[in-house]
Amino acid sequence: MSCLVIVDLTPMDKARLAQYSEKAAKTLAPFHGEFIAKGEIETLHGDAPHPLKAVIQFPDKEQARNWYNSDAYQAIIPLRNEGMNSQFHLV
């Protein structure tokens, strides 16, 4: 069953975030991950601590975990943390 990585984020440094985004996108292909949505959210109910969201689809949870734990993705986490405040969820 396919699964989703849902990223809630607040930009902190737009230049660093742009660098991270470019690099992160390149790490998805080996794990068959693809962005299916990203951008500003419209809150229909409840609190939303982050104004932006990205949704990445993977074939299964194993591929999603392998992507997140891959050397390529782990190497850019410091850049991610400089560029944005975020939460990653696996569904």
PDB file of N, CA and C in Angstrom:
ATOM      1  N   MET A   1       0.844  -1.183   0.000  1.00  0.00           N
ATOM      2  CA  MET A   1       0.000   0.000   0.000  1.00  0.00           C
ATOM      3  C   MET A   1       0.886   1.241   0.000  1.00  0.00           C
ATOM      4  N   SER A   2       0.549   2.215  -0.827  1.00  0.00           N
ATOM      5  CA  SER A   2       1.351   3.437  -0.854  1.00  0.00           C
ATOM      6  C   SER A   2       1.205   4.180   0.469  1.00  0.00           C
ATOM      7  N   CYS A   3       2.185   5.005   0.759  1.00  0.00           N
ATOM      8  CA  CYS A   3       2.130   5.792   1.983  1.00  0.00           C
ATOM      9  C   CYS A   3       2.615   7.197   1.683  1.00  0.00           C
ATOM     10  N   LEU A   4       2.409   8.068   2.638  1.00  0.00           N
ATOM     11  CA  LEU A   4       2.736   9.476   2.474  1.00  0.00           C
ATOM     12  C   LEU A   4       3.668   9.947   3.571  1.00  0.00           C
ATOM     13  N   VAL A   5       4.597  10.804   3.203  1.00  0.00           N
ATOM     14  CA  VAL A   5       5.348  11.583   4.175  1.00  0.00           C
ATOM     15  C   VAL A   5       4.771  12.983   4.076  1.00  0.00           C
ATOM     16  N   ILE A   6       4.259  13.456   5.194  1.00  0.00           N
ATOM     17  CA  ILE A   6       3.641  14.778   5.233  1.00  0.00           C
ATOM     18  C   ILE A   6       4.546  15.692   6.043  1.00  0.00           C
ATOM     19  N   VAL A   7       4.937  16.787   5.430  1.00  0.00           N
ATOM     20  CA  VAL A   7       5.868  17.724   6.039  1.00  0.00           C
ATOM     21  C   VAL A   7       5.130  19.024   6.316  1.00  0.00           C
ATOM     22  N   ASP A   8       5.083  19.403   7.580  1.00  0.00           N
ATOM     23  CA  ASP A   8       4.551  20.702   7.971  1.00  0.00           C
ATOM     24  C   ASP A   8       5.762  21.598   8.203  1.00  0.00           C
ATOM     25  N   LEU A   9       5.736  22.807   7.637  1.00  0.00           N
ATOM     26  CA  LEU A   9       6.936  23.622   7.764  1.00  0.00           C
ATOM     27  C   LEU A   9       6.660  25.109   7.832  1.00  0.00           C
ATOM     28  N   THR A  10       7.604  25.786   8.479  1.00  0.00           N
ATOM     29  CA  THR A  10       7.647  27.238   8.552  1.00  0.00           C
ATOM     30  C   THR A  10       9.035  27.663   8.087  1.00  0.00           C
ATOM     31  N   PRO A  11       9.135  28.442   7.007  1.00  0.00           N
ATOM     32  CA  PRO A  11      10.445  28.890   6.538  1.00  0.00           C
ATOM     33  C   PRO A  11      11.141  29.770   7.573  1.00  0.00           C
ATOM     34  N   MET A  12      12.464  29.578   7.714  1.00  0.00           N
ATOM     35  CA  MET A  12      13.267  30.431   8.598  1.00  0.00           C
ATOM     36  C   MET A  12      14.333  31.189   7.806  1.00  0.00           C
ATOM     37  N   ASP A  13      14.867  30.546   6.762  1.00  0.00           N
ATOM     38  CA  ASP A  13      15.874  31.162   5.903  1.00  0.00           C
ATOM     39  C   ASP A  13      15.548  30.713   4.481  1.00  0.00           C
ATOM     40  N   LYS A  14      14.967  31.609   3.705  1.00  0.00           N
ATOM     41  CA  LYS A  14      14.467  31.225   2.380  1.00  0.00           C
ATOM     42  C   LYS A  14      15.564  30.757   1.427  1.00  0.00           C
ATOM     43  N   ALA A  15      16.755  31.336   1.512  1.00  0.00           N
ATOM     44  CA  ALA A  15      17.845  30.897   0.639  1.00  0.00           C
ATOM     45  C   ALA A  15      18.266  29.470   0.991  1.00  0.00           C
ATOM     46  N   ARG A  16      18.408  29.181   2.271  1.00  0.00           N
ATOM     47  CA  ARG A  16      18.775  27.825   2.704  1.00  0.00           C
ATOM     48  C   ARG A  16      17.653  26.836   2.374  1.00  0.00           C
ATOM     49  N   LEU A  17      16.424  27.271   2.541  1.00  0.00           N
ATOM     50  CA  LEU A  17      15.286  26.400   2.227  1.00  0.00           C
ATOM     51  C   LEU A  17      15.273  26.047   0.740  1.00  0.00           C
ATOM     52  N   ALA A  18      15.568  27.001  -0.109  1.00  0.00           N
ATOM     53  CA  ALA A  18      15.612  26.738  -1.549  1.00  0.00           C
ATOM     54  C   ALA A  18      16.724  25.738  -1.881  1.00  0.00           C
ATOM     55  N   GLN A  19      17.879  25.877  -1.239  1.00  0.00           N
ATOM     56  CA  GLN A  19      18.982  24.927  -1.449  1.00  0.00           C
ATOM     57  C   GLN A  19      18.578  23.529  -0.991  1.00  0.00           C
ATOM     58  N   TYR A  20      17.985  23.468   0.188  1.00  0.00           N
ATOM     59  CA  TYR A  20      17.534  22.179   0.723  1.00  0.00           C
ATOM     60  C   TYR A  20      16.501  21.539  -0.207  1.00  0.00           C
ATOM     61  N   SER A  21      15.520  22.304  -0.650  1.00  0.00           N
ATOM     62  CA  SER A  21      14.451  21.769  -1.490  1.00  0.00           C
ATOM     63  C   SER A  21      15.001  21.163  -2.778  1.00  0.00           C
ATOM     64  N   GLU A  22      15.956  21.848  -3.389  1.00  0.00           N
ATOM     65  CA  GLU A  22      16.552  21.339  -4.624  1.00  0.00           C
ATOM     66  C   GLU A  22      17.270  20.012  -4.365  1.00  0.00           C
ATOM     67  N   LYS A  23      18.028  19.949  -3.295  1.00  0.00           N
ATOM     68  CA  LYS A  23      18.771  18.730  -2.969  1.00  0.00           C
ATOM     69  C   LYS A  23      17.841  17.604  -2.529  1.00  0.00           C
ATOM     70  N   ALA A  24      16.829  17.939  -1.739  1.00  0.00           N
ATOM     71  CA  ALA A  24      15.906  16.914  -1.233  1.00  0.00           C
ATOM     72  C   ALA A  24      15.156  16.248  -2.376  1.00  0.00           C
ATOM     73  N   ALA A  25      14.737  17.013  -3.351  1.00  0.00           N
ATOM     74  CA  ALA A  25      13.990  16.449  -4.478  1.00  0.00           C
ATOM     75  C   ALA A  25      14.803  15.375  -5.197  1.00  0.00           C
ATOM     76  N   LYS A  26      16.105  15.584  -5.289  1.00  0.00           N
ATOM     77  CA  LYS A  26      16.977  14.624  -5.974  1.00  0.00           C
ATOM     78  C   LYS A  26      17.138  13.321  -5.194  1.00  0.00           C
ATOM     79  N   THR A  27      16.887  13.339  -3.894  1.00  0.00           N
ATOM     80  CA  THR A  27      17.046  12.120  -3.079  1.00  0.00           C
ATOM     81  C   THR A  27      15.856  11.180  -3.185  1.00  0.00           C
ATOM     82  N   LEU A  28      14.752  11.625  -3.758  1.00  0.00           N
ATOM     83  CA  LEU A  28      13.520  10.828  -3.787  1.00  0.00           C
ATOM     84  C   LEU A  28      13.530   9.701  -4.814  1.00  0.00           C
ATOM     85  N   ALA A  29      14.118   9.932  -5.981  1.00  0.00           N
ATOM     86  CA  ALA A  29      14.014   8.997  -7.113  1.00  0.00           C
ATOM     87  C   ALA A  29      14.419   7.553  -6.786  1.00  0.00           C
ATOM     88  N   PRO A  30      15.540   7.314  -6.092  1.00  0.00           N
ATOM     89  CA  PRO A  30      15.916   5.919  -5.821  1.00  0.00           C
ATOM     90  C   PRO A  30      14.892   5.144  -4.984  1.00  0.00           C
ATOM     91  N   PHE A  31      14.001   5.876  -4.316  1.00  0.00           N
ATOM     92  CA  PHE A  31      13.016   5.249  -3.437  1.00  0.00           C
ATOM     93  C   PHE A  31      11.599   5.370  -3.997  1.00  0.00           C
ATOM     94  N   HIS A  32      11.515   5.810  -5.267  1.00  0.00           N
ATOM     95  CA  HIS A  32      10.236   5.952  -5.970  1.00  0.00           C
ATOM     96  C   HIS A  32       9.298   6.930  -5.263  1.00  0.00           C
ATOM     97  N   GLY A  33       9.902   7.964  -4.668  1.00  0.00           N
ATOM     98  CA  GLY A  33       9.110   8.998  -4.007  1.00  0.00           C
ATOM     99  C   GLY A  33       8.826  10.136  -4.966  1.00  0.00           C
ATOM    100  N   GLU A  34       7.668  10.765  -4.785  1.00  0.00           N
ATOM    101  CA  GLU A  34       7.323  11.921  -5.617  1.00  0.00           C
ATOM    102  C   GLU A  34       6.429  12.875  -4.838  1.00  0.00           C
ATOM    103  N   PHE A  35       6.680  14.168  -5.071  1.00  0.00           N
ATOM    104  CA  PHE A  35       5.818  15.186  -4.470  1.00  0.00           C
ATOM    105  C   PHE A  35       4.453  15.107  -5.140  1.00  0.00           C
ATOM    106  N   ILE A  36       3.403  15.073  -4.328  1.00  0.00           N
ATOM    107  CA  ILE A  36       2.063  15.112  -4.904  1.00  0.00           C
ATOM    108  C   ILE A  36       1.344  16.403  -4.545  1.00  0.00           C
ATOM    109  N   ALA A  37       1.887  17.145  -3.574  1.00  0.00           N
ATOM    110  CA  ALA A  37       1.328  18.458  -3.230  1.00  0.00           C
ATOM    111  C   ALA A  37       2.351  19.220  -2.408  1.00  0.00           C
ATOM    112  N   LYS A  38       2.384  20.532  -2.595  1.00  0.00           N
ATOM    113  CA  LYS A  38       3.183  21.379  -1.717  1.00  0.00           C
ATOM    114  C   LYS A  38       2.739  22.818  -1.882  1.00  0.00           C
ATOM    115  N   GLY A  39       2.794  23.539  -0.771  1.00  0.00           N
ATOM    116  CA  GLY A  39       2.416  24.942  -0.812  1.00  0.00           C
ATOM    117  C   GLY A  39       1.737  25.396   0.462  1.00  0.00           C
ATOM    118  N   GLU A  40       1.133  26.579   0.377  1.00  0.00           N
ATOM    119  CA  GLU A  40       0.424  27.142   1.526  1.00  0.00           C
ATOM    120  C   GLU A  40      -0.824  26.324   1.811  1.00  0.00           C
ATOM    121  N   ILE A  41      -1.139  26.208   3.099  1.00  0.00           N
ATOM    122  CA  ILE A  41      -2.326  25.453   3.484  1.00  0.00           C
ATOM    123  C   ILE A  41      -3.498  26.390   3.727  1.00  0.00           C
ATOM    124  N   GLU A  42      -4.671  25.841   3.598  1.00  0.00           N
ATOM    125  CA  GLU A  42      -5.912  26.510   4.000  1.00  0.00           C
ATOM    126  C   GLU A  42      -6.486  25.659   5.127  1.00  0.00           C
ATOM    127  N   THR A  43      -6.531  26.230   6.327  1.00  0.00           N
ATOM    128  CA  THR A  43      -7.011  25.479   7.476  1.00  0.00           C
ATOM    129  C   THR A  43      -8.537  25.472   7.480  1.00  0.00           C
ATOM    130  N   LEU A  44      -9.084  24.285   7.450  1.00  0.00           N
ATOM    131  CA  LEU A  44     -10.536  24.139   7.493  1.00  0.00           C
ATOM    132  C   LEU A  44     -11.044  23.922   8.913  1.00  0.00           C
ATOM    133  N   HIS A  45     -10.184  23.381   9.783  1.00  0.00           N
ATOM    134  CA  HIS A  45     -10.586  23.148  11.171  1.00  0.00           C
ATOM    135  C   HIS A  45      -9.337  23.016  12.035  1.00  0.00           C
ATOM    136  N   GLY A  46      -9.358  23.586  13.218  1.00  0.00           N
ATOM    137  CA  GLY A  46      -8.269  23.425  14.181  1.00  0.00           C
ATOM    138  C   GLY A  46      -7.108  24.376  13.956  1.00  0.00           C
ATOM    139  N   ASP A  47      -6.077  24.171  14.776  1.00  0.00           N
ATOM    140  CA  ASP A  47      -4.882  24.997  14.726  1.00  0.00           C
ATOM    141  C   ASP A  47      -3.883  24.430  13.721  1.00  0.00           C
ATOM    142  N   ALA A  48      -3.182  25.310  13.065  1.00  0.00           N
ATOM    143  CA  ALA A  48      -2.147  24.909  12.120  1.00  0.00           C
ATOM    144  C   ALA A  48      -0.871  25.672  12.473  1.00  0.00           C
ATOM    145  N   PRO A  49       0.058  25.027  13.178  1.00  0.00           N
ATOM    146  CA  PRO A  49       1.257  25.747  13.612  1.00  0.00           C
ATOM    147  C   PRO A  49       2.213  26.109  12.480  1.00  0.00           C
ATOM    148  N   HIS A  50       2.093  25.462  11.332  1.00  0.00           N
ATOM    149  CA  HIS A  50       2.977  25.746  10.195  1.00  0.00           C
ATOM    150  C   HIS A  50       2.128  26.163   8.987  1.00  0.00           C
ATOM    151  N   PRO A  51       2.560  27.203   8.263  1.00  0.00           N
ATOM    152  CA  PRO A  51       1.750  27.706   7.141  1.00  0.00           C
ATOM    153  C   PRO A  51       1.911  26.938   5.828  1.00  0.00           C
ATOM    154  N   LEU A  52       2.940  26.094   5.717  1.00  0.00           N
ATOM    155  CA  LEU A  52       3.196  25.369   4.475  1.00  0.00           C
ATOM    156  C   LEU A  52       3.187  23.868   4.718  1.00  0.00           C
ATOM    157  N   LYS A  53       2.912  23.118   3.651  1.00  0.00           N
ATOM    158  CA  LYS A  53       2.883  21.665   3.747  1.00  0.00           C
ATOM    159  C   LYS A  53       3.406  21.085   2.442  1.00  0.00           C
ATOM    160  N   ALA A  54       4.103  19.947   2.575  1.00  0.00           N
ATOM    161  CA  ALA A  54       4.515  19.163   1.413  1.00  0.00           C
ATOM    162  C   ALA A  54       4.054  17.736   1.650  1.00  0.00           C
ATOM    163  N   VAL A  55       3.583  17.094   0.598  1.00  0.00           N
ATOM    164  CA  VAL A  55       3.129  15.706   0.686  1.00  0.00           C
ATOM    165  C   VAL A  55       3.912  14.902  -0.341  1.00  0.00           C
ATOM    166  N   ILE A  56       4.622  13.874   0.141  1.00  0.00           N
ATOM    167  CA  ILE A  56       5.453  13.036  -0.719  1.00  0.00           C
ATOM    168  C   ILE A  56       4.892  11.619  -0.673  1.00  0.00           C
ATOM    169  N   GLN A  57       4.663  11.035  -1.830  1.00  0.00           N
ATOM    170  CA  GLN A  57       4.111   9.683  -1.910  1.00  0.00           C
ATOM    171  C   GLN A  57       5.228   8.682  -2.209  1.00  0.00           C
ATOM    172  N   PHE A  58       5.178   7.547  -1.510  1.00  0.00           N
ATOM    173  CA  PHE A  58       6.097   6.432  -1.708  1.00  0.00           C
ATOM    174  C   PHE A  58       5.276   5.166  -1.927  1.00  0.00           C
ATOM    175  N   PRO A  59       5.873   4.146  -2.543  1.00  0.00           N
ATOM    176  CA  PRO A  59       5.139   2.892  -2.773  1.00  0.00           C
ATOM    177  C   PRO A  59       4.717   2.199  -1.481  1.00  0.00           C
ATOM    178  N   ASP A  60       5.525   2.353  -0.419  1.00  0.00           N
ATOM    179  CA  ASP A  60       5.211   1.710   0.864  1.00  0.00           C
ATOM    180  C   ASP A  60       6.039   2.366   1.967  1.00  0.00           C
ATOM    181  N   LYS A  61       5.753   1.995   3.208  1.00  0.00           N
ATOM    182  CA  LYS A  61       6.450   2.601   4.346  1.00  0.00           C
ATOM    183  C   LYS A  61       7.932   2.259   4.353  1.00  0.00           C
ATOM    184  N   GLU A  62       8.275   1.085   3.900  1.00  0.00           N
ATOM    185  CA  GLU A  62       9.683   0.695   3.874  1.00  0.00           C
ATOM    186  C   GLU A  62      10.493   1.630   2.978  1.00  0.00           C
ATOM    187  N   GLN A  63       9.971   1.931   1.791  1.00  0.00           N
ATOM    188  CA  GLN A  63      10.667   2.850   0.888  1.00  0.00           C
ATOM    189  C   GLN A  63      10.762   4.251   1.509  1.00  0.00           C
ATOM    190  N   ALA A  64       9.704   4.693   2.174  1.00  0.00           N
ATOM    191  CA  ALA A  64       9.718   6.014   2.810  1.00  0.00           C
ATOM    192  C   ALA A  64      10.767   6.070   3.916  1.00  0.00           C
ATOM    193  N   ARG A  65      10.806   5.057   4.742  1.00  0.00           N
ATOM    194  CA  ARG A  65      11.807   5.011   5.823  1.00  0.00           C
ATOM    195  C   ARG A  65      13.220   4.924   5.244  1.00  0.00           C
ATOM    196  N   ASN A  66      13.388   4.104   4.203  1.00  0.00           N
ATOM    197  CA  ASN A  66      14.706   3.982   3.578  1.00  0.00           C
ATOM    198  C   ASN A  66      15.161   5.320   2.998  1.00  0.00           C
ATOM    199  N   TRP A  67      14.231   6.061   2.411  1.00  0.00           N
ATOM    200  CA  TRP A  67      14.567   7.401   1.900  1.00  0.00           C
ATOM    201  C   TRP A  67      15.021   8.296   3.038  1.00  0.00           C
ATOM    202  N   TYR A  68      14.210   8.376   4.098  1.00  0.00           N
ATOM    203  CA  TYR A  68      14.520   9.293   5.196  1.00  0.00           C
ATOM    204  C   TYR A  68      15.854   8.942   5.846  1.00  0.00           C
ATOM    205  N   ASN A  69      16.143   7.669   5.959  1.00  0.00           N
ATOM    206  CA  ASN A  69      17.371   7.218   6.614  1.00  0.00           C
ATOM    207  C   ASN A  69      18.560   7.082   5.665  1.00  0.00           C
ATOM    208  N   SER A  70      18.362   7.372   4.383  1.00  0.00           N
ATOM    209  CA  SER A  70      19.443   7.235   3.403  1.00  0.00           C
ATOM    210  C   SER A  70      20.563   8.232   3.693  1.00  0.00           C
ATOM    211  N   ASP A  71      21.777   7.842   3.295  1.00  0.00           N
ATOM    212  CA  ASP A  71      22.923   8.736   3.465  1.00  0.00           C
ATOM    213  C   ASP A  71      22.697  10.063   2.745  1.00  0.00           C
ATOM    214  N   ALA A  72      22.117   9.993   1.551  1.00  0.00           N
ATOM    215  CA  ALA A  72      21.889  11.208   0.765  1.00  0.00           C
ATOM    216  C   ALA A  72      20.959  12.177   1.490  1.00  0.00           C
ATOM    217  N   TYR A  73      19.866  11.658   2.065  1.00  0.00           N
ATOM    218  CA  TYR A  73      18.944  12.564   2.763  1.00  0.00           C
ATOM    219  C   TYR A  73      19.516  13.016   4.098  1.00  0.00           C
ATOM    220  N   GLN A  74      20.111  12.107   4.838  1.00  0.00           N
ATOM    221  CA  GLN A  74      20.678  12.469   6.137  1.00  0.00           C
ATOM    222  C   GLN A  74      21.732  13.567   6.001  1.00  0.00           C
ATOM    223  N   ALA A  75      22.459  13.564   4.883  1.00  0.00           N
ATOM    224  CA  ALA A  75      23.506  14.565   4.664  1.00  0.00           C
ATOM    225  C   ALA A  75      22.962  15.983   4.551  1.00  0.00           C
ATOM    226  N   ILE A  76      21.702  16.138   4.160  1.00  0.00           N
ATOM    227  CA  ILE A  76      21.153  17.497   3.983  1.00  0.00           C
ATOM    228  C   ILE A  76      20.275  17.939   5.149  1.00  0.00           C
ATOM    229  N   ILE A  77      20.152  17.130   6.169  1.00  0.00           N
ATOM    230  CA  ILE A  77      19.337  17.522   7.323  1.00  0.00           C
ATOM    231  C   ILE A  77      19.854  18.796   7.995  1.00  0.00           C
ATOM    232  N   PRO A  78      21.160  19.008   8.155  1.00  0.00           N
ATOM    233  CA  PRO A  78      21.597  20.289   8.726  1.00  0.00           C
ATOM    234  C   PRO A  78      21.121  21.490   7.917  1.00  0.00           C
ATOM    235  N   LEU A  79      21.148  21.379   6.595  1.00  0.00           N
ATOM    236  CA  LEU A  79      20.646  22.452   5.730  1.00  0.00           C
ATOM    237  C   LEU A  79      19.147  22.633   5.935  1.00  0.00           C
ATOM    238  N   ARG A  80      18.411  21.525   6.019  1.00  0.00           N
ATOM    239  CA  ARG A  80      16.965  21.582   6.293  1.00  0.00           C
ATOM    240  C   ARG A  80      16.707  22.345   7.582  1.00  0.00           C
ATOM    241  N   ASN A  81      17.443  22.012   8.627  1.00  0.00           N
ATOM    242  CA  ASN A  81      17.205  22.614   9.937  1.00  0.00           C
ATOM    243  C   ASN A  81      17.563  24.094   9.987  1.00  0.00           C
ATOM    244  N   GLU A  82      18.462  24.533   9.106  1.00  0.00           N
ATOM    245  CA  GLU A  82      18.770  25.959   8.993  1.00  0.00           C
ATOM    246  C   GLU A  82      17.697  26.690   8.199  1.00  0.00           C
ATOM    247  N   GLY A  83      17.069  25.993   7.256  1.00  0.00           N
ATOM    248  CA  GLY A  83      16.109  26.629   6.364  1.00  0.00           C
ATOM    249  C   GLY A  83      14.683  26.667   6.849  1.00  0.00           C
ATOM    250  N   MET A  84      14.332  25.714   7.718  1.00  0.00           N
ATOM    251  CA  MET A  84      12.930  25.668   8.136  1.00  0.00           C
ATOM    252  C   MET A  84      12.759  24.991   9.486  1.00  0.00           C
ATOM    253  N   ASN A  85      11.673  25.333  10.127  1.00  0.00           N
ATOM    254  CA  ASN A  85      11.190  24.625  11.309  1.00  0.00           C
ATOM    255  C   ASN A  85      10.147  23.656  10.770  1.00  0.00           C
ATOM    256  N   SER A  86      10.264  22.370  11.114  1.00  0.00           N
ATOM    257  CA  SER A  86       9.379  21.411  10.453  1.00  0.00           C
ATOM    258  C   SER A  86       9.026  20.221  11.325  1.00  0.00           C
ATOM    259  N   GLN A  87       8.015  19.512  10.871  1.00  0.00           N
ATOM    260  CA  GLN A  87       7.607  18.217  11.423  1.00  0.00           C
ATOM    261  C   GLN A  87       7.392  17.295  10.224  1.00  0.00           C
ATOM    262  N   PHE A  88       7.889  16.068  10.331  1.00  0.00           N
ATOM    263  CA  PHE A  88       7.698  15.056   9.291  1.00  0.00           C
ATOM    264  C   PHE A  88       6.842  13.945   9.873  1.00  0.00           C
ATOM    265  N   HIS A  89       5.809  13.548   9.133  1.00  0.00           N
ATOM    266  CA  HIS A  89       4.896  12.491   9.569  1.00  0.00           C
ATOM    267  C   HIS A  89       4.826  11.433   8.490  1.00  0.00           C
ATOM    268  N   LEU A  90       4.814  10.164   8.909  1.00  0.00           N
ATOM    269  CA  LEU A  90       4.657   9.041   7.982  1.00  0.00           C
ATOM    270  C   LEU A  90       3.268   8.462   8.171  1.00  0.00           C
ATOM    271  N   VAL A  91       2.504   8.425   7.088  1.00  0.00           N
ATOM    272  CA  VAL A  91       1.123   7.915   7.138  1.00  0.00           C
ATOM    273  C   VAL A  91       0.997   6.768   6.162  1.00  0.00           C
TER     274      VAL A  91
END
